[in-house]
N, C-alpha and C. Protein backbone atom coordinates (compact mmCIF):
# COMPACT_ATOMS: atom_id res chain seq x y z
N MET A 1 1.10 -0.73 0.04
CA MET A 1 0.02 0.30 -0.14
C MET A 1 0.82 1.31 -0.01
N PHE A 2 1.79 1.44 1.07
CA PHE A 2 2.85 2.72 0.97
C PHE A 2 4.27 1.95 0.52
N LYS A 3 4.70 2.28 -0.53
CA LYS A 3 5.72 2.35 -1.37
C LYS A 3 6.96 3.60 -0.47
N LYS A 4 7.78 3.25 -0.21
CA LYS A 4 9.33 3.75 -0.07
C LYS A 4 10.17 3.56 -1.28
N SER A 5 10.30 5.38 -1.61
CA SER A 5 11.31 5.05 -2.54
C SER A 5 12.39 5.05 -2.89
N LYS A 6 13.40 4.50 -3.32
CA LYS A 6 14.48 3.96 -2.76
C LYS A 6 15.69 4.83 -3.65
N PRO A 7 16.37 5.46 -2.98
CA PRO A 7 17.21 5.92 -3.30
C PRO A 7 18.41 5.59 -4.97
N LYS A 8 18.51 6.16 -5.26
CA LYS A 8 19.54 6.05 -6.71
C LYS A 8 20.89 5.85 -5.90
N VAL A 9 21.29 4.67 -5.74
CA VAL A 9 22.90 4.27 -6.27
C VAL A 9 23.49 4.23 -7.18
N LYS A 10 23.94 4.48 -6.70
CA LYS A 10 25.61 4.76 -7.70
C LYS A 10 26.40 3.91 -8.06
N SER A 11 27.18 3.30 -9.26
CA SER A 11 26.78 2.13 -9.81
C SER A 11 28.59 1.80 -8.85
N SER A 12 28.77 1.01 -8.89
CA SER A 12 29.68 0.59 -7.99
C SER A 12 30.58 -0.63 -9.07
N ARG A 13 30.36 -0.79 -9.93
CA ARG A 13 30.95 -1.27 -11.45
C ARG A 13 32.57 -0.74 -11.62
N ILE A 14 33.60 -1.45 -11.61
CA ILE A 14 35.02 -0.70 -11.49
C ILE A 14 35.90 -1.56 -13.08
N ASP A 15 35.51 -0.86 -13.50
CA ASP A 15 36.53 -0.45 -15.06
C ASP A 15 38.25 -1.12 -15.58
N THR A 16 38.53 -0.30 -14.66
CA THR A 16 39.99 -0.09 -14.30
C THR A 16 40.23 -0.35 -13.04
N LEU A 17 41.46 -0.75 -12.49
CA LEU A 17 41.37 -0.85 -11.69
C LEU A 17 43.59 -0.33 -10.82
N ILE A 18 43.97 0.25 -11.05
CA ILE A 18 45.50 0.53 -10.15
C ILE A 18 45.41 0.35 -8.62
N GLY A 19 46.49 -1.06 -9.09
CA GLY A 19 46.34 -2.17 -7.83
C GLY A 19 47.52 -0.92 -6.87
N GLN A 20 47.37 -1.85 -5.93
CA GLN A 20 48.47 -0.95 -5.00
C GLN A 20 49.44 -1.61 -4.80
N GLY A 21 50.47 -0.36 -5.36
CA GLY A 21 51.94 -0.39 -5.29
C GLY A 21 52.00 -0.33 -6.82
N THR A 22 51.24 0.28 -7.78
CA THR A 22 51.28 0.73 -8.37
C THR A 22 51.76 2.31 -8.92
N GLU A 23 52.47 2.45 -9.74
CA GLU A 23 52.53 3.91 -9.44
C GLU A 23 52.62 4.56 -10.96
N ILE A 24 51.94 5.49 -11.74
CA ILE A 24 51.33 5.83 -12.87
C ILE A 24 52.27 7.76 -13.05
N THR A 25 52.44 7.63 -13.64
CA THR A 25 52.74 9.55 -13.91
C THR A 25 52.32 9.43 -15.22
N GLY A 26 51.48 10.71 -15.33
CA GLY A 26 50.51 10.55 -16.88
C GLY A 26 49.14 11.33 -16.82
N ASN A 27 48.66 11.64 -17.38
CA ASN A 27 47.16 12.23 -17.34
C ASN A 27 46.17 10.93 -17.20
N ILE A 28 45.13 10.36 -17.51
CA ILE A 28 44.53 9.31 -17.67
C ILE A 28 43.14 9.97 -17.30
N TYR A 29 42.60 9.93 -19.28
CA TYR A 29 40.98 9.58 -19.44
C TYR A 29 40.57 8.51 -19.42
N PHE A 30 39.32 8.71 -18.57
CA PHE A 30 38.44 7.17 -18.09
C PHE A 30 36.92 7.69 -18.47
N SER A 31 36.37 5.79 -18.27
CA SER A 31 34.89 6.23 -18.62
C SER A 31 34.22 4.93 -17.61
N GLY A 32 33.47 5.00 -17.05
CA GLY A 32 32.75 3.60 -16.64
C GLY A 32 33.61 3.86 -15.25
N GLY A 33 34.48 3.13 -14.80
CA GLY A 33 34.16 2.94 -13.25
C GLY A 33 36.11 2.79 -12.64
N LEU A 34 36.78 3.64 -12.82
CA LEU A 34 37.70 3.62 -12.15
C LEU A 34 38.20 3.87 -10.61
N ARG A 35 38.90 2.56 -10.46
CA ARG A 35 39.88 2.60 -8.73
C ARG A 35 40.87 2.65 -8.61
N ILE A 36 41.33 2.99 -8.00
CA ILE A 36 42.71 3.82 -7.38
C ILE A 36 42.96 2.91 -6.52
N ASP A 37 44.11 2.54 -6.08
CA ASP A 37 44.49 1.33 -4.76
C ASP A 37 45.69 1.76 -4.88
N GLY A 38 46.37 2.44 -5.55
CA GLY A 38 48.49 2.80 -6.16
C GLY A 38 48.13 4.20 -5.84
N SER A 39 49.21 4.95 -6.89
CA SER A 39 49.13 6.52 -6.40
C SER A 39 49.20 6.47 -8.20
N VAL A 40 48.77 7.83 -8.53
CA VAL A 40 48.41 8.65 -9.65
C VAL A 40 49.39 10.30 -9.20
N ASN A 41 50.52 10.06 -10.67
CA ASN A 41 50.47 11.89 -10.50
C ASN A 41 50.64 12.17 -11.82
N GLY A 42 49.44 12.90 -12.17
CA GLY A 42 49.40 13.24 -12.75
C GLY A 42 47.65 13.98 -13.61
N ASN A 43 47.01 14.45 -14.19
CA ASN A 43 45.54 14.93 -14.08
C ASN A 43 44.95 13.28 -13.89
N ILE A 44 43.34 13.49 -13.66
CA ILE A 44 42.63 12.45 -14.29
C ILE A 44 40.97 13.62 -14.18
N TYR A 45 41.02 12.78 -15.67
CA TYR A 45 39.66 12.93 -16.19
C TYR A 45 38.38 12.33 -17.14
N THR A 46 37.24 12.44 -17.06
CA THR A 46 35.89 11.45 -17.52
C THR A 46 35.93 12.10 -18.93
N GLN A 47 35.73 11.48 -19.38
CA GLN A 47 35.66 10.87 -21.40
C GLN A 47 34.19 11.71 -21.86
N ASP A 48 33.56 12.59 -21.46
CA ASP A 48 32.18 12.70 -21.74
C ASP A 48 30.72 11.92 -20.80
N ASP A 49 31.07 10.89 -20.54
CA ASP A 49 30.97 10.39 -19.18
C ASP A 49 30.43 10.53 -17.81
N ASP A 50 28.56 10.98 -17.98
CA ASP A 50 28.10 11.41 -16.82
C ASP A 50 27.82 10.26 -15.51
N ALA A 51 28.12 8.76 -15.85
CA ALA A 51 27.92 8.28 -15.31
C ALA A 51 29.42 7.02 -14.47
N ALA A 52 30.32 8.43 -14.92
CA ALA A 52 31.10 7.70 -14.74
C ALA A 52 31.81 8.34 -12.61
N VAL A 53 32.53 7.07 -12.40
CA VAL A 53 32.72 7.14 -10.99
C VAL A 53 34.27 6.54 -10.37
N LEU A 54 35.08 7.57 -10.09
CA LEU A 54 35.87 7.68 -9.72
C LEU A 54 36.55 7.34 -8.11
N THR A 55 36.61 6.23 -7.86
CA THR A 55 36.77 5.62 -6.54
C THR A 55 38.44 5.58 -5.76
N LEU A 56 39.04 6.79 -4.45
CA LEU A 56 40.42 6.58 -4.24
C LEU A 56 40.04 5.91 -2.47
N SER A 57 40.82 4.32 -3.24
CA SER A 57 40.86 3.71 -1.40
C SER A 57 41.47 4.61 -0.82
N GLU A 58 42.00 3.95 0.90
CA GLU A 58 42.01 5.33 2.19
C GLU A 58 43.84 4.45 1.91
N ARG A 59 44.26 3.77 1.01
CA ARG A 59 45.45 3.31 -0.24
C ARG A 59 46.04 4.19 -0.57
N GLY A 60 44.90 4.98 -2.06
CA GLY A 60 45.31 5.45 -2.51
C GLY A 60 45.77 6.86 -2.60
N ILE A 61 46.98 7.31 -3.41
CA ILE A 61 47.27 8.68 -3.52
C ILE A 61 47.27 9.79 -5.08
N ILE A 62 46.75 10.61 -4.74
CA ILE A 62 46.66 11.24 -6.56
C ILE A 62 47.97 12.71 -6.11
N GLN A 63 48.94 13.19 -7.48
CA GLN A 63 49.01 14.19 -6.72
C GLN A 63 48.75 15.10 -8.65
N GLY A 64 47.69 15.70 -8.15
CA GLY A 64 47.18 16.67 -9.75
C GLY A 64 45.68 16.81 -9.60
N GLU A 65 45.41 17.24 -10.81
CA GLU A 65 43.89 17.83 -11.14
C GLU A 65 42.71 16.38 -11.39
N ILE A 66 41.73 16.44 -10.36
CA ILE A 66 40.78 16.15 -11.23
C ILE A 66 39.11 16.49 -11.70
N LYS A 67 39.21 16.12 -12.77
CA LYS A 67 37.56 16.70 -12.91
C LYS A 67 36.63 15.67 -13.85
N VAL A 68 35.94 14.62 -12.80
CA VAL A 68 34.90 13.36 -12.75
C VAL A 68 33.53 14.23 -12.84
N SER A 69 32.36 13.19 -13.38
CA SER A 69 31.80 13.16 -12.52
C SER A 69 30.89 13.15 -11.02
N ASN A 70 32.00 12.01 -10.57
CA ASN A 70 31.23 11.21 -9.60
C ASN A 70 32.19 10.87 -9.04
N LEU A 71 33.07 11.09 -7.72
CA LEU A 71 33.77 10.96 -6.58
C LEU A 71 33.49 10.30 -5.66
N ILE A 72 33.99 8.72 -5.41
CA ILE A 72 34.28 8.97 -4.40
C ILE A 72 36.32 8.68 -3.35
N ILE A 73 36.13 9.16 -2.89
CA ILE A 73 37.34 9.48 -1.63
C ILE A 73 37.31 9.15 -0.24
N ASN A 74 38.30 8.03 -0.35
CA ASN A 74 38.78 7.69 0.64
C ASN A 74 40.55 8.37 1.67
N GLY A 75 41.09 8.44 0.08
CA GLY A 75 42.39 8.81 0.24
C GLY A 75 42.60 9.89 0.11
N THR A 76 44.58 10.59 -0.83
CA THR A 76 44.23 11.28 -0.44
C THR A 76 45.31 11.82 -1.93
N ILE A 77 44.52 13.59 -1.25
CA ILE A 77 44.97 14.13 -3.06
C ILE A 77 45.15 15.77 -2.48
N THR A 78 46.24 15.84 -3.25
CA THR A 78 46.69 16.89 -3.86
C THR A 78 46.72 17.88 -5.07
N GLY A 79 45.94 18.68 -5.29
CA GLY A 79 45.52 19.37 -6.86
C GLY A 79 43.83 19.23 -6.21
N ASP A 80 42.98 20.42 -7.30
CA ASP A 80 42.06 20.81 -7.53
C ASP A 80 41.04 19.61 -8.01
N VAL A 81 39.30 19.63 -7.08
CA VAL A 81 38.65 18.43 -7.27
C VAL A 81 37.96 19.23 -8.03
N TYR A 82 37.15 18.88 -9.56
CA TYR A 82 35.96 18.93 -10.45
C TYR A 82 35.03 18.77 -10.22
N SER A 83 33.61 17.90 -10.00
CA SER A 83 32.83 17.08 -9.68
C SER A 83 31.97 17.86 -10.39
N SER A 84 30.87 17.71 -11.73
CA SER A 84 30.10 17.49 -11.59
C SER A 84 28.75 17.23 -11.48
N SER A 85 28.70 16.36 -11.05
CA SER A 85 27.76 15.83 -9.98
C SER A 85 27.86 15.89 -8.04
N HIS A 86 28.64 14.76 -8.13
CA HIS A 86 28.52 14.31 -6.61
C HIS A 86 30.46 13.79 -6.02
N VAL A 87 29.98 14.38 -4.76
CA VAL A 87 31.78 13.80 -3.86
C VAL A 87 31.21 13.17 -3.28
N GLU A 88 31.85 12.32 -2.78
CA GLU A 88 31.34 11.68 -1.76
C GLU A 88 32.48 11.76 -0.80
N LEU A 89 33.07 12.10 0.25
CA LEU A 89 34.50 12.37 1.43
C LEU A 89 34.37 11.42 1.68
N ALA A 90 34.39 9.89 2.21
CA ALA A 90 34.60 9.10 3.81
C ALA A 90 35.59 9.34 4.49
N PRO A 91 35.37 8.78 5.82
CA PRO A 91 36.36 8.91 6.91
C PRO A 91 37.69 9.05 7.08
N LYS A 92 38.01 8.89 5.73
CA LYS A 92 39.94 9.07 5.71
C LYS A 92 40.53 9.58 4.30
N ALA A 93 39.01 10.20 4.21
CA ALA A 93 39.76 11.63 2.65
C ALA A 93 40.15 12.31 3.28
N LYS A 94 41.76 13.17 2.06
CA LYS A 94 42.34 14.05 2.91
C LYS A 94 42.80 14.91 1.61
N ILE A 95 42.24 16.15 1.22
CA ILE A 95 42.32 16.72 -0.30
C ILE A 95 42.95 17.97 0.92
N LYS A 96 44.39 18.27 -0.13
CA LYS A 96 44.58 19.75 0.14
C LYS A 96 44.47 20.51 -1.15
N GLY A 97 43.50 21.29 -1.23
CA GLY A 97 42.64 22.29 -2.89
C GLY A 97 42.09 21.97 -2.52
N ASN A 98 41.60 23.04 -3.52
CA ASN A 98 40.28 23.17 -3.75
C ASN A 98 38.74 22.51 -3.85
N VAL A 99 38.22 21.30 -3.45
CA VAL A 99 37.06 20.77 -4.07
C VAL A 99 36.05 22.06 -5.29
N TYR A 100 35.73 21.92 -6.04
CA TYR A 100 33.99 22.55 -6.46
C TYR A 100 33.56 21.30 -6.60
N TYR A 101 32.47 21.41 -6.03
CA TYR A 101 30.88 20.37 -6.25
C TYR A 101 29.77 20.66 -6.70
N ARG A 102 28.81 19.36 -7.25
CA ARG A 102 27.20 19.88 -7.02
C ARG A 102 26.90 19.67 -5.48
N LEU A 103 26.99 18.77 -5.36
CA LEU A 103 26.85 17.92 -4.45
C LEU A 103 27.48 16.96 -3.69
N LEU A 104 27.66 17.67 -2.28
CA LEU A 104 28.75 16.45 -1.45
C LEU A 104 28.35 15.85 -0.10
N GLU A 105 29.01 15.02 -0.27
CA GLU A 105 28.63 14.23 1.53
C GLU A 105 29.96 14.13 1.76
N MET A 106 30.03 14.00 2.79
CA MET A 106 31.70 14.33 4.10
C MET A 106 31.38 13.93 4.97
N SER A 107 32.27 12.24 5.01
CA SER A 107 32.02 11.65 6.92
C SER A 107 32.82 12.29 7.71
N MET A 108 32.11 12.18 8.86
CA MET A 108 33.43 12.96 10.18
C MET A 108 34.60 12.23 9.85
N GLY A 109 35.24 13.17 10.34
CA GLY A 109 36.83 12.59 9.72
C GLY A 109 37.75 12.46 8.68
N ALA A 110 36.87 13.29 7.79
CA ALA A 110 37.18 13.51 6.31
C ALA A 110 38.88 14.94 6.85
N GLU A 111 39.18 15.14 5.82
CA GLU A 111 40.00 16.76 5.57
C GLU A 111 39.83 17.22 4.23
N VAL A 112 39.62 18.46 4.16
CA VAL A 112 39.76 19.40 2.96
C VAL A 112 41.07 20.74 3.53
N ASN A 113 41.98 20.81 2.87
CA ASN A 113 42.67 21.97 3.20
C ASN A 113 42.89 22.87 2.21
N GLY A 114 41.59 23.40 1.63
CA GLY A 114 41.13 24.12 0.65
C GLY A 114 39.77 25.33 0.86
N LYS A 115 39.48 25.45 -0.37
CA LYS A 115 37.65 25.83 -0.88
C LYS A 115 37.28 24.17 -1.03
N LEU A 116 35.70 24.82 -0.28
CA LEU A 116 34.43 24.20 -0.81
C LEU A 116 33.78 24.79 -1.74
N ILE A 117 33.99 25.29 -2.79
CA ILE A 117 33.15 25.67 -3.50
C ILE A 117 31.55 25.23 -3.97
N HIS A 118 30.78 25.60 -4.21
CA HIS A 118 29.37 24.73 -4.58
C HIS A 118 29.17 25.36 -6.34
N MET A 119 28.78 24.57 -7.39
CA MET A 119 29.24 25.11 -8.74
C MET A 119 27.59 24.37 -8.63
N THR A 120 26.87 25.64 -9.48
CA THR A 120 25.83 26.01 -10.24
C THR A 120 25.94 25.51 -11.81
N GLU A 121 24.34 25.02 -12.60
CA GLU A 121 24.21 24.19 -14.03
C GLU A 121 25.38 25.42 -14.99
N ASP A 122 25.53 26.41 -14.56
CA ASP A 122 26.51 27.48 -15.34
C ASP A 122 28.64 27.37 -15.34
N ASP A 123 28.08 27.12 -13.87
CA ASP A 123 29.79 26.46 -13.86
C ASP A 123 30.02 25.06 -14.33
N LYS A 124 29.30 24.79 -14.23
CA LYS A 124 29.01 23.08 -15.29
C LYS A 124 29.84 22.69 -16.61
N GLU A 125 28.93 23.85 -17.34
CA GLU A 125 29.39 24.39 -18.60
C GLU A 125 30.38 25.01 -19.30
N MET A 126 30.84 25.74 -17.88
CA MET A 126 32.22 26.76 -17.72
C MET A 126 33.06 24.85 -17.73
N THR A 127 33.19 24.66 -17.04
CA THR A 127 34.04 23.08 -16.77
C THR A 127 33.72 22.09 -18.14
N ASN A 128 33.19 21.71 -18.69
CA ASN A 128 32.95 21.42 -19.82
C ASN A 128 33.86 21.66 -20.60
N ILE A 129 33.77 23.18 -20.89
CA ILE A 129 34.42 24.01 -22.37
C ILE A 129 36.41 24.05 -21.69
N GLU A 130 36.62 24.51 -20.50
CA GLU A 130 37.72 23.80 -20.32
C GLU A 130 37.71 22.47 -20.74
N LEU A 131 37.65 21.86 -20.22
CA LEU A 131 37.56 20.31 -20.53
C LEU A 131 37.92 19.35 -22.02
N ASP A 132 37.51 20.40 -22.70
CA ASP A 132 37.17 20.12 -24.17
C ASP A 132 38.46 21.22 -25.14
N ALA A 133 38.98 22.54 -24.03
CA ALA A 133 40.21 22.88 -24.38
C ALA A 133 40.75 22.29 -24.29
N VAL A 134 41.59 21.45 -23.05
CA VAL A 134 42.45 20.47 -22.66
C VAL A 134 42.29 19.30 -23.65
N ASN A 135 41.38 19.31 -23.52
CA ASN A 135 41.14 17.82 -24.81
C ASN A 135 41.96 17.94 -26.44
N ASN A 136 41.39 19.07 -26.48
CA ASN A 136 41.87 19.34 -27.89
C ASN A 136 43.48 20.58 -28.27
N SER A 137 44.67 20.49 -26.77
CA SER A 137 45.11 21.27 -27.22
C SER A 137 46.11 20.02 -27.06
N SER A 138 46.24 19.01 -26.03
CA SER A 138 47.64 18.24 -25.24
C SER A 138 46.95 16.85 -26.13
N LYS A 139 48.49 15.97 -26.52
CA LYS A 139 48.13 15.16 -26.53
C LYS A 139 47.68 13.72 -24.81
N LEU A 140 46.99 12.81 -25.48
CA LEU A 140 46.58 12.06 -24.04
C LEU A 140 48.39 11.05 -23.74
N ASP A 141 47.95 11.12 -22.43
CA ASP A 141 48.35 10.24 -22.19
C ASP A 141 48.23 9.05 -21.77
N LEU A 142 47.28 8.25 -21.11
CA LEU A 142 46.69 7.14 -20.75
C LEU A 142 45.35 7.86 -21.17
N THR A 143 45.29 6.88 -21.36
CA THR A 143 43.78 6.87 -22.09
C THR A 143 42.82 4.92 -21.34
N LEU A 144 42.16 5.21 -21.23
CA LEU A 144 41.33 4.17 -20.03
C LEU A 144 39.99 3.40 -20.28
N ASN A 145 39.35 2.41 -21.26
CA ASN A 145 38.63 2.35 -21.82
C ASN A 145 37.47 1.14 -20.66
């Protein structure tokens, strides 16, 4: 008689895994799901995929700019983070940089040493223009599909 609507859950599908002990230097462009347990020294972008999810485990480390749709962080990021949809900061998340977000979920214990900046639809379009400029002006270092 009474139905509760279930909230939509982000896909936990992992298409690509960067394992613990793995170090990557260079930019990463991906679609689908990317889980990082290792270390990345470079920028990370999604390829026009609103459902793409970047998951950073508590052992994961990223040094560089991140522009993705959905982000689940439980590791360490040094650099600015841009999310066009959803950011989840788990208890062991540590970010040294600004976080640009539309929706933010932050657990007790998560750290952000920088600004939290809420984005609107207009800001999302500006972020896409910046990403297009990056895509058109530089060669991809690493593409994950």
